Amino acid sequence: KEAQILCFQCGANSIFYGDELLTTSNPSFQDDRKLL
């Protein structure tokens, strides 16, 4: 979570959102919602 926050701080302004990216896993949208 801390690393993602630092990425947002220095310029990341978009994420893929949802439990899966094509064939690999991704943080759940609930976790992302809380993080943001």
PDB file of all heavy atoms in Angstrom:
ATOM      1  N   LYS A   1       0.829  -1.196   0.000  1.00  0.00           N
ATOM      2  CA  LYS A   1       0.000   0.000   0.000  1.00  0.00           C
ATOM      3  C   LYS A   1       0.868   1.252   0.000  1.00  0.00           C
ATOM      4  O   LYS A   1       0.595   2.215  -0.723  1.00  0.00           O
ATOM      5  CB  LYS A   1      -0.921  -0.009   1.220  1.00  0.00           C
ATOM      6  CG  LYS A   1      -1.800   1.222   1.356  1.00  0.00           C
ATOM      7  CD  LYS A   1      -2.761   1.087   2.525  1.00  0.00           C
ATOM      8  CE  LYS A   1      -2.037   1.104   3.851  1.00  0.00           C
ATOM      9  NZ  LYS A   1      -2.990   1.106   4.999  1.00  0.00           N
ATOM     10  N   GLU A   2       1.937   1.229   0.791  1.00  0.00           N
ATOM     11  CA  GLU A   2       2.815   2.395   0.887  1.00  0.00           C
ATOM     12  C   GLU A   2       3.521   2.676  -0.427  1.00  0.00           C
ATOM     13  O   GLU A   2       3.667   3.843  -0.831  1.00  0.00           O
ATOM     14  CB  GLU A   2       3.836   2.187   2.010  1.00  0.00           C
ATOM     15  CG  GLU A   2       3.254   2.169   3.413  1.00  0.00           C
ATOM     16  CD  GLU A   2       2.578   0.843   3.769  1.00  0.00           C
ATOM     17  OE1 GLU A   2       2.754  -0.145   3.024  1.00  0.00           O
ATOM     18  OE2 GLU A   2       1.876   0.798   4.799  1.00  0.00           O
ATOM     19  N   ALA A   3       3.949   1.610  -1.128  1.00  0.00           N
ATOM     20  CA  ALA A   3       4.622   1.799  -2.408  1.00  0.00           C
ATOM     21  C   ALA A   3       3.665   2.395  -3.442  1.00  0.00           C
ATOM     22  O   ALA A   3       4.039   3.259  -4.240  1.00  0.00           O
ATOM     23  CB  ALA A   3       5.191   0.477  -2.917  1.00  0.00           C
ATOM     24  N   GLN A   4       2.425   1.939  -3.438  1.00  0.00           N
ATOM     25  CA  GLN A   4       1.440   2.492  -4.365  1.00  0.00           C
ATOM     26  C   GLN A   4       1.184   3.969  -4.073  1.00  0.00           C
ATOM     27  O   GLN A   4       1.051   4.776  -4.991  1.00  0.00           O
ATOM     28  CB  GLN A   4       0.136   1.702  -4.276  1.00  0.00           C
ATOM     29  CG  GLN A   4       0.237   0.289  -4.816  1.00  0.00           C
ATOM     30  CD  GLN A   4      -1.096  -0.420  -4.816  1.00  0.00           C
ATOM     31  OE1 GLN A   4      -2.016  -0.053  -5.549  1.00  0.00           O
ATOM     32  NE2 GLN A   4      -1.225  -1.456  -4.006  1.00  0.00           N
ATOM     33  N   ILE A   5       1.117   4.314  -2.798  1.00  0.00           N
ATOM     34  CA  ILE A   5       0.902   5.716  -2.425  1.00  0.00           C
ATOM     35  C   ILE A   5       2.036   6.589  -2.947  1.00  0.00           C
ATOM     36  O   ILE A   5       1.810   7.688  -3.473  1.00  0.00           O
ATOM     37  CB  ILE A   5       0.757   5.851  -0.898  1.00  0.00           C
ATOM     38  CG1 ILE A   5      -0.563   5.215  -0.444  1.00  0.00           C
ATOM     39  CG2 ILE A   5       0.810   7.310  -0.468  1.00  0.00           C
ATOM     40  CD1 ILE A   5      -0.715   5.102   1.051  1.00  0.00           C
ATOM     41  N   LEU A   6       3.267   6.091  -2.846  1.00  0.00           N
ATOM     42  CA  LEU A   6       4.405   6.853  -3.355  1.00  0.00           C
ATOM     43  C   LEU A   6       4.328   6.995  -4.876  1.00  0.00           C
ATOM     44  O   LEU A   6       4.701   8.036  -5.428  1.00  0.00           O
ATOM     45  CB  LEU A   6       5.721   6.189  -2.942  1.00  0.00           C
ATOM     46  CG  LEU A   6       6.056   6.251  -1.448  1.00  0.00           C
ATOM     47  CD1 LEU A   6       7.345   5.493  -1.163  1.00  0.00           C
ATOM     48  CD2 LEU A   6       6.182   7.693  -0.972  1.00  0.00           C
ATOM     49  N   CYS A   7       3.833   5.972  -5.549  1.00  0.00           N
ATOM     50  CA  CYS A   7       3.657   6.067  -7.001  1.00  0.00           C
ATOM     51  C   CYS A   7       2.626   7.139  -7.344  1.00  0.00           C
ATOM     52  O   CYS A   7       2.819   7.923  -8.284  1.00  0.00           O
ATOM     53  CB  CYS A   7       3.227   4.717  -7.576  1.00  0.00           C
ATOM     54  SG  CYS A   7       4.529   3.472  -7.639  1.00  0.00           S
ATOM     55  N   PHE A   8       1.522   7.190  -6.601  1.00  0.00           N
ATOM     56  CA  PHE A   8       0.523   8.239  -6.817  1.00  0.00           C
ATOM     57  C   PHE A   8       1.130   9.612  -6.553  1.00  0.00           C
ATOM     58  O   PHE A   8       0.872  10.571  -7.283  1.00  0.00           O
ATOM     59  CB  PHE A   8      -0.688   8.027  -5.910  1.00  0.00           C
ATOM     60  CG  PHE A   8      -1.486   6.797  -6.204  1.00  0.00           C
ATOM     61  CD1 PHE A   8      -1.972   6.009  -5.169  1.00  0.00           C
ATOM     62  CD2 PHE A   8      -1.764   6.428  -7.508  1.00  0.00           C
ATOM     63  CE1 PHE A   8      -2.715   4.870  -5.440  1.00  0.00           C
ATOM     64  CE2 PHE A   8      -2.500   5.292  -7.786  1.00  0.00           C
ATOM     65  CZ  PHE A   8      -2.982   4.502  -6.740  1.00  0.00           C
ATOM     66  N   GLN A   9       1.934   9.709  -5.513  1.00  0.00           N
ATOM     67  CA  GLN A   9       2.525  10.985  -5.149  1.00  0.00           C
ATOM     68  C   GLN A   9       3.416  11.533  -6.257  1.00  0.00           C
ATOM     69  O   GLN A   9       3.426  12.736  -6.522  1.00  0.00           O
ATOM     70  CB  GLN A   9       3.343  10.838  -3.861  1.00  0.00           C
ATOM     71  CG  GLN A   9       3.999  12.130  -3.398  1.00  0.00           C
ATOM     72  CD  GLN A   9       4.816  11.935  -2.127  1.00  0.00           C
ATOM     73  OE1 GLN A   9       4.765  10.878  -1.513  1.00  0.00           O
ATOM     74  NE2 GLN A   9       5.573  12.946  -1.754  1.00  0.00           N
ATOM     75  N   CYS A  10       4.152  10.643  -6.929  1.00  0.00           N
ATOM     76  CA  CYS A  10       5.098  11.133  -7.935  1.00  0.00           C
ATOM     77  C   CYS A  10       4.581  10.991  -9.358  1.00  0.00           C
ATOM     78  O   CYS A  10       5.362  11.080 -10.305  1.00  0.00           O
ATOM     79  CB  CYS A  10       6.462  10.487  -7.764  1.00  0.00           C
ATOM     80  SG  CYS A  10       6.519   8.698  -7.857  1.00  0.00           S
ATOM     81  N   GLY A  11       3.253  10.801  -9.524  1.00  0.00           N
ATOM     82  CA  GLY A  11       2.735  10.976 -10.873  1.00  0.00           C
ATOM     83  C   GLY A  11       1.808   9.935 -11.441  1.00  0.00           C
ATOM     84  O   GLY A  11       1.188  10.169 -12.480  1.00  0.00           O
ATOM     85  N   ALA A  12       1.678   8.759 -10.828  1.00  0.00           N
ATOM     86  CA  ALA A  12       0.730   7.775 -11.360  1.00  0.00           C
ATOM     87  C   ALA A  12      -0.683   8.316 -11.180  1.00  0.00           C
ATOM     88  O   ALA A  12      -1.068   8.703 -10.083  1.00  0.00           O
ATOM     89  CB  ALA A  12       0.889   6.442 -10.633  1.00  0.00           C
ATOM     90  N   ASN A  13      -1.447   8.352 -12.252  1.00  0.00           N
ATOM     91  CA  ASN A  13      -2.814   8.868 -12.151  1.00  0.00           C
ATOM     92  C   ASN A  13      -3.831   8.007 -12.878  1.00  0.00           C
ATOM     93  O   ASN A  13      -4.877   8.474 -13.329  1.00  0.00           O
ATOM     94  CB  ASN A  13      -2.905  10.321 -12.612  1.00  0.00           C
ATOM     95  CG  ASN A  13      -2.424  10.528 -14.039  1.00  0.00           C
ATOM     96  OD1 ASN A  13      -1.853   9.632 -14.660  1.00  0.00           O
ATOM     97  ND2 ASN A  13      -2.645  11.715 -14.564  1.00  0.00           N
ATOM     98  N   SER A  14      -3.522   6.714 -12.979  1.00  0.00           N
ATOM     99  CA  SER A  14      -4.482   5.760 -13.517  1.00  0.00           C
ATOM    100  C   SER A  14      -4.076   4.367 -13.032  1.00  0.00           C
ATOM    101  O   SER A  14      -2.896   4.074 -12.869  1.00  0.00           O
ATOM    102  CB  SER A  14      -4.501   5.798 -15.049  1.00  0.00           C
ATOM    103  OG  SER A  14      -5.456   4.892 -15.563  1.00  0.00           O
ATOM    104  N   ILE A  15      -5.086   3.525 -12.779  1.00  0.00           N
ATOM    105  CA  ILE A  15      -4.819   2.140 -12.414  1.00  0.00           C
ATOM    106  C   ILE A  15      -5.794   1.238 -13.151  1.00  0.00           C
ATOM    107  O   ILE A  15      -6.883   1.657 -13.539  1.00  0.00           O
ATOM    108  CB  ILE A  15      -4.974   1.887 -10.895  1.00  0.00           C
ATOM    109  CG1 ILE A  15      -6.393   2.240 -10.414  1.00  0.00           C
ATOM    110  CG2 ILE A  15      -3.911   2.636 -10.102  1.00  0.00           C
ATOM    111  CD1 ILE A  15      -6.668   1.837  -8.968  1.00  0.00           C
ATOM    112  N   PHE A  16      -5.363  -0.005 -13.370  1.00  0.00           N
ATOM    113  CA  PHE A  16      -6.311  -1.019 -13.795  1.00  0.00           C
ATOM    114  C   PHE A  16      -7.041  -1.488 -12.551  1.00  0.00           C
ATOM    115  O   PHE A  16      -6.433  -1.781 -11.518  1.00  0.00           O
ATOM    116  CB  PHE A  16      -5.617  -2.177 -14.508  1.00  0.00           C
ATOM    117  CG  PHE A  16      -5.385  -1.914 -15.957  1.00  0.00           C
ATOM    118  CD1 PHE A  16      -4.115  -1.984 -16.501  1.00  0.00           C
ATOM    119  CD2 PHE A  16      -6.445  -1.602 -16.795  1.00  0.00           C
ATOM    120  CE1 PHE A  16      -3.899  -1.740 -17.846  1.00  0.00           C
ATOM    121  CE2 PHE A  16      -6.246  -1.356 -18.146  1.00  0.00           C
ATOM    122  CZ  PHE A  16      -4.967  -1.431 -18.669  1.00  0.00           C
ATOM    123  N   TYR A  17      -8.336  -1.583 -12.680  1.00  0.00           N
ATOM    124  CA  TYR A  17      -9.237  -1.688 -11.540  1.00  0.00           C
ATOM    125  C   TYR A  17     -10.100  -2.919 -11.718  1.00  0.00           C
ATOM    126  O   TYR A  17     -10.787  -3.070 -12.718  1.00  0.00           O
ATOM    127  CB  TYR A  17     -10.082  -0.414 -11.528  1.00  0.00           C
ATOM    128  CG  TYR A  17     -11.104  -0.251 -10.449  1.00  0.00           C
ATOM    129  CD1 TYR A  17     -10.728  -0.012  -9.135  1.00  0.00           C
ATOM    130  CD2 TYR A  17     -12.457  -0.252 -10.758  1.00  0.00           C
ATOM    131  CE1 TYR A  17     -11.682   0.203  -8.158  1.00  0.00           C
ATOM    132  CE2 TYR A  17     -13.419  -0.041  -9.797  1.00  0.00           C
ATOM    133  CZ  TYR A  17     -13.027   0.193  -8.479  1.00  0.00           C
ATOM    134  OH  TYR A  17     -13.970   0.414  -7.520  1.00  0.00           O
ATOM    135  N   GLY A  18     -10.039  -3.844 -10.775  1.00  0.00           N
ATOM    136  CA  GLY A  18     -10.801  -5.078 -10.877  1.00  0.00           C
ATOM    137  C   GLY A  18      -9.933  -6.249 -10.473  1.00  0.00           C
ATOM    138  O   GLY A  18      -8.730  -6.127 -10.314  1.00  0.00           O
ATOM    139  N   ASP A  19     -10.544  -7.407 -10.308  1.00  0.00           N
ATOM    140  CA  ASP A  19      -9.853  -8.544  -9.718  1.00  0.00           C
ATOM    141  C   ASP A  19      -8.885  -9.254 -10.651  1.00  0.00           C
ATOM    142  O   ASP A  19      -8.097 -10.080 -10.200  1.00  0.00           O
ATOM    143  CB  ASP A  19     -10.883  -9.570  -9.214  1.00  0.00           C
ATOM    144  CG  ASP A  19     -11.766  -8.999  -8.116  1.00  0.00           C
ATOM    145  OD1 ASP A  19     -11.419  -7.925  -7.587  1.00  0.00           O
ATOM    146  OD2 ASP A  19     -12.792  -9.616  -7.807  1.00  0.00           O
ATOM    147  N   GLU A  20      -8.925  -8.950 -11.955  1.00  0.00           N
ATOM    148  CA  GLU A  20      -8.086  -9.689 -12.892  1.00  0.00           C
ATOM    149  C   GLU A  20      -7.661  -8.808 -14.049  1.00  0.00           C
ATOM    150  O   GLU A  20      -8.421  -7.968 -14.520  1.00  0.00           O
ATOM    151  CB  GLU A  20      -8.859 -10.913 -13.420  1.00  0.00           C
ATOM    152  CG  GLU A  20      -8.028 -11.861 -14.260  1.00  0.00           C
ATOM    153  CD  GLU A  20      -8.806 -13.119 -14.632  1.00  0.00           C
ATOM    154  OE1 GLU A  20      -8.917 -14.017 -13.791  1.00  0.00           O
ATOM    155  OE2 GLU A  20      -9.300 -13.181 -15.780  1.00  0.00           O
ATOM    156  N   LEU A  21      -6.398  -9.016 -14.511  1.00  0.00           N
ATOM    157  CA  LEU A  21      -5.884  -8.342 -15.701  1.00  0.00           C
ATOM    158  C   LEU A  21      -5.590  -9.400 -16.747  1.00  0.00           C
ATOM    159  O   LEU A  21      -4.558 -10.071 -16.683  1.00  0.00           O
ATOM    160  CB  LEU A  21      -4.598  -7.572 -15.376  1.00  0.00           C
ATOM    161  CG  LEU A  21      -4.677  -6.470 -14.321  1.00  0.00           C
ATOM    162  CD1 LEU A  21      -3.321  -5.816 -14.171  1.00  0.00           C
ATOM    163  CD2 LEU A  21      -5.717  -5.441 -14.717  1.00  0.00           C
ATOM    164  N   LEU A  22      -6.494  -9.550 -17.686  1.00  0.00           N
ATOM    165  CA  LEU A  22      -6.368 -10.587 -18.710  1.00  0.00           C
ATOM    166  C   LEU A  22      -6.180 -11.946 -18.060  1.00  0.00           C
ATOM    167  O   LEU A  22      -7.129 -12.665 -17.830  1.00  0.00           O
ATOM    168  CB  LEU A  22      -5.224 -10.256 -19.687  1.00  0.00           C
ATOM    169  CG  LEU A  22      -5.430  -8.997 -20.527  1.00  0.00           C
ATOM    170  CD1 LEU A  22      -4.264  -8.782 -21.494  1.00  0.00           C
ATOM    171  CD2 LEU A  22      -6.739  -9.025 -21.314  1.00  0.00           C
ATOM    172  N   THR A  23      -4.936 -12.346 -17.712  1.00  0.00           N
ATOM    173  CA  THR A  23      -4.707 -13.673 -17.134  1.00  0.00           C
ATOM    174  C   THR A  23      -3.942 -13.614 -15.824  1.00  0.00           C
ATOM    175  O   THR A  23      -3.513 -14.643 -15.322  1.00  0.00           O
ATOM    176  CB  THR A  23      -3.925 -14.562 -18.129  1.00  0.00           C
ATOM    177  OG1 THR A  23      -2.679 -13.941 -18.443  1.00  0.00           O
ATOM    178  CG2 THR A  23      -4.717 -14.778 -19.395  1.00  0.00           C
ATOM    179  N   THR A  24      -3.750 -12.435 -15.264  1.00  0.00           N
ATOM    180  CA  THR A  24      -3.067 -12.321 -13.978  1.00  0.00           C
ATOM    181  C   THR A  24      -3.979 -11.627 -12.976  1.00  0.00           C
ATOM    182  O   THR A  24      -4.886 -10.884 -13.345  1.00  0.00           O
ATOM    183  CB  THR A  24      -1.747 -11.532 -14.097  1.00  0.00           C
ATOM    184  OG1 THR A  24      -2.026 -10.217 -14.582  1.00  0.00           O
ATOM    185  CG2 THR A  24      -0.789 -12.233 -15.052  1.00  0.00           C
ATOM    186  N   SER A  25      -3.721 -11.874 -11.695  1.00  0.00           N
ATOM    187  CA  SER A  25      -4.580 -11.313 -10.658  1.00  0.00           C
ATOM    188  C   SER A  25      -4.263  -9.847 -10.413  1.00  0.00           C
ATOM    189  O   SER A  25      -3.217  -9.340 -10.814  1.00  0.00           O
ATOM    190  CB  SER A  25      -4.427 -12.107  -9.362  1.00  0.00           C
ATOM    191  OG  SER A  25      -3.082 -12.081  -8.920  1.00  0.00           O
ATOM    192  N   ASN A  26      -5.173  -9.175  -9.737  1.00  0.00           N
ATOM    193  CA  ASN A  26      -5.071  -7.743  -9.475  1.00  0.00           C
ATOM    194  C   ASN A  26      -5.763  -7.479  -8.140  1.00  0.00           C
ATOM    195  O   ASN A  26      -6.622  -8.259  -7.721  1.00  0.00           O
ATOM    196  CB  ASN A  26      -5.797  -6.975 -10.600  1.00  0.00           C
ATOM    197  CG  ASN A  26      -5.412  -5.517 -10.680  1.00  0.00           C
ATOM    198  OD1 ASN A  26      -4.241  -5.176 -10.649  1.00  0.00           O
ATOM    199  ND2 ASN A  26      -6.405  -4.650 -10.807  1.00  0.00           N
ATOM    200  N   PRO A  27      -5.405  -6.410  -7.426  1.00  0.00           N
ATOM    201  CA  PRO A  27      -6.112  -6.106  -6.180  1.00  0.00           C
ATOM    202  C   PRO A  27      -7.620  -5.973  -6.421  1.00  0.00           C
ATOM    203  O   PRO A  27      -8.055  -5.534  -7.476  1.00  0.00           O
ATOM    204  CB  PRO A  27      -5.503  -4.767  -5.750  1.00  0.00           C
ATOM    205  CG  PRO A  27      -4.147  -4.762  -6.363  1.00  0.00           C
ATOM    206  CD  PRO A  27      -4.306  -5.457  -7.678  1.00  0.00           C
ATOM    207  N   SER A  28      -8.409  -6.355  -5.431  1.00  0.00           N
ATOM    208  CA  SER A  28      -9.862  -6.259  -5.584  1.00  0.00           C
ATOM    209  C   SER A  28     -10.297  -4.801  -5.646  1.00  0.00           C
ATOM    210  O   SER A  28      -9.611  -3.907  -5.142  1.00  0.00           O
ATOM    211  CB  SER A  28     -10.568  -6.936  -4.404  1.00  0.00           C
ATOM    212  OG  SER A  28     -10.411  -6.161  -3.225  1.00  0.00           O
ATOM    213  N   PHE A  29     -11.449  -4.569  -6.282  1.00  0.00           N
ATOM    214  CA  PHE A  29     -11.910  -3.186  -6.398  1.00  0.00           C
ATOM    215  C   PHE A  29     -12.266  -2.620  -5.025  1.00  0.00           C
ATOM    216  O   PHE A  29     -12.143  -1.419  -4.789  1.00  0.00           O
ATOM    217  CB  PHE A  29     -13.082  -3.066  -7.382  1.00  0.00           C
ATOM    218  CG  PHE A  29     -14.391  -3.623  -6.903  1.00  0.00           C
ATOM    219  CD1 PHE A  29     -15.268  -2.841  -6.169  1.00  0.00           C
ATOM    220  CD2 PHE A  29     -14.758  -4.924  -7.206  1.00  0.00           C
ATOM    221  CE1 PHE A  29     -16.492  -3.346  -5.748  1.00  0.00           C
ATOM    222  CE2 PHE A  29     -15.969  -5.434  -6.790  1.00  0.00           C
ATOM    223  CZ  PHE A  29     -16.840  -4.651  -6.050  1.00  0.00           C
ATOM    224  N   GLN A  30     -12.665  -3.490  -4.063  1.00  0.00           N
ATOM    225  CA  GLN A  30     -12.941  -2.990  -2.716  1.00  0.00           C
ATOM    226  C   GLN A  30     -11.661  -2.476  -2.052  1.00  0.00           C
ATOM    227  O   GLN A  30     -11.652  -1.415  -1.412  1.00  0.00           O
ATOM    228  CB  GLN A  30     -13.556  -4.099  -1.852  1.00  0.00           C
ATOM    229  CG  GLN A  30     -14.931  -4.542  -2.320  1.00  0.00           C
ATOM    230  CD  GLN A  30     -14.861  -5.814  -3.141  1.00  0.00           C
ATOM    231  OE1 GLN A  30     -13.871  -6.085  -3.811  1.00  0.00           O
ATOM    232  NE2 GLN A  30     -15.922  -6.604  -3.078  1.00  0.00           N
ATOM    233  N   ASP A  31     -10.563  -3.243  -2.210  1.00  0.00           N
ATOM    234  CA  ASP A  31      -9.282  -2.808  -1.634  1.00  0.00           C
ATOM    235  C   ASP A  31      -8.803  -1.514  -2.268  1.00  0.00           C
ATOM    236  O   ASP A  31      -8.300  -0.612  -1.585  1.00  0.00           O
ATOM    237  CB  ASP A  31      -8.222  -3.899  -1.819  1.00  0.00           C
ATOM    238  CG  ASP A  31      -8.457  -5.109  -0.922  1.00  0.00           C
ATOM    239  OD1 ASP A  31      -9.214  -4.976   0.059  1.00  0.00           O
ATOM    240  OD2 ASP A  31      -7.884  -6.169  -1.212  1.00  0.00           O
ATOM    241  N   ASP A  32      -8.972  -1.413  -3.589  1.00  0.00           N
ATOM    242  CA  ASP A  32      -8.549  -0.195  -4.282  1.00  0.00           C
ATOM    243  C   ASP A  32      -9.385   1.002  -3.838  1.00  0.00           C
ATOM    244  O   ASP A  32      -8.876   2.106  -3.659  1.00  0.00           O
ATOM    245  CB  ASP A  32      -8.673  -0.367  -5.802  1.00  0.00           C
ATOM    246  CG  ASP A  32      -7.510  -1.142  -6.384  1.00  0.00           C
ATOM    247  OD1 ASP A  32      -6.434  -1.163  -5.760  1.00  0.00           O
ATOM    248  OD2 ASP A  32      -7.676  -1.724  -7.466  1.00  0.00           O
ATOM    249  N   ARG A  33     -10.673   0.772  -3.665  1.00  0.00           N
ATOM    250  CA  ARG A  33     -11.546   1.853  -3.248  1.00  0.00           C
ATOM    251  C   ARG A  33     -11.114   2.400  -1.881  1.00  0.00           C
ATOM    252  O   ARG A  33     -11.044   3.610  -1.658  1.00  0.00           O
ATOM    253  CB  ARG A  33     -12.983   1.333  -3.188  1.00  0.00           C
ATOM    254  CG  ARG A  33     -14.028   2.408  -3.171  1.00  0.00           C
ATOM    255  CD  ARG A  33     -15.415   1.855  -3.486  1.00  0.00           C
ATOM    256  NE  ARG A  33     -15.797   0.782  -2.604  1.00  0.00           N
ATOM    257  CZ  ARG A  33     -16.135  -0.439  -3.046  1.00  0.00           C
ATOM    258  NH1 ARG A  33     -16.091  -0.712  -4.330  1.00  0.00           N
ATOM    259  NH2 ARG A  33     -16.515  -1.369  -2.211  1.00  0.00           N
ATOM    260  N   LYS A  34     -10.788   1.489  -0.967  1.00  0.00           N
ATOM    261  CA  LYS A  34     -10.341   1.911   0.361  1.00  0.00           C
ATOM    262  C   LYS A  34      -9.003   2.628   0.288  1.00  0.00           C
ATOM    263  O   LYS A  34      -8.788   3.660   0.951  1.00  0.00           O
ATOM    264  CB  LYS A  34     -10.232   0.708   1.291  1.00  0.00           C
ATOM    265  CG  LYS A  34      -9.884   1.084   2.732  1.00  0.00           C
ATOM    266  CD  LYS A  34      -9.869  -0.133   3.619  1.00  0.00           C
ATOM    267  CE  LYS A  34      -9.662   0.272   5.088  1.00  0.00           C
ATOM    268  NZ  LYS A  34      -8.465   1.087   5.303  1.00  0.00           N
ATOM    269  N   LEU A  35      -8.076   2.094  -0.543  1.00  0.00           N
ATOM    270  CA  LEU A  35      -6.760   2.715  -0.673  1.00  0.00           C
ATOM    271  C   LEU A  35      -6.874   4.145  -1.182  1.00  0.00           C
ATOM    272  O   LEU A  35      -6.274   5.079  -0.626  1.00  0.00           O
ATOM    273  CB  LEU A  35      -5.884   1.893  -1.624  1.00  0.00           C
ATOM    274  CG  LEU A  35      -4.527   2.502  -2.000  1.00  0.00           C
ATOM    275  CD1 LEU A  35      -3.648   2.671  -0.766  1.00  0.00           C
ATOM    276  CD2 LEU A  35      -3.822   1.654  -3.044  1.00  0.00           C
ATOM    277  N   LEU A  36      -7.671   4.363  -2.225  1.00  0.00           N
ATOM    278  CA  LEU A  36      -7.790   5.693  -2.798  1.00  0.00           C
ATOM    279  C   LEU A  36      -8.482   6.660  -1.837  1.00  0.00           C
ATOM    280  O   LEU A  36      -8.155   7.848  -1.805  1.00  0.00           O
ATOM    281  CB  LEU A  36      -8.541   5.624  -4.131  1.00  0.00           C
ATOM    282  CG  LEU A  36      -7.806   4.867  -5.246  1.00  0.00           C
ATOM    283  CD1 LEU A  36      -8.674   4.772  -6.496  1.00  0.00           C
ATOM    284  CD2 LEU A  36      -6.477   5.510  -5.576  1.00  0.00           C
TER     285      LEU A  36
END
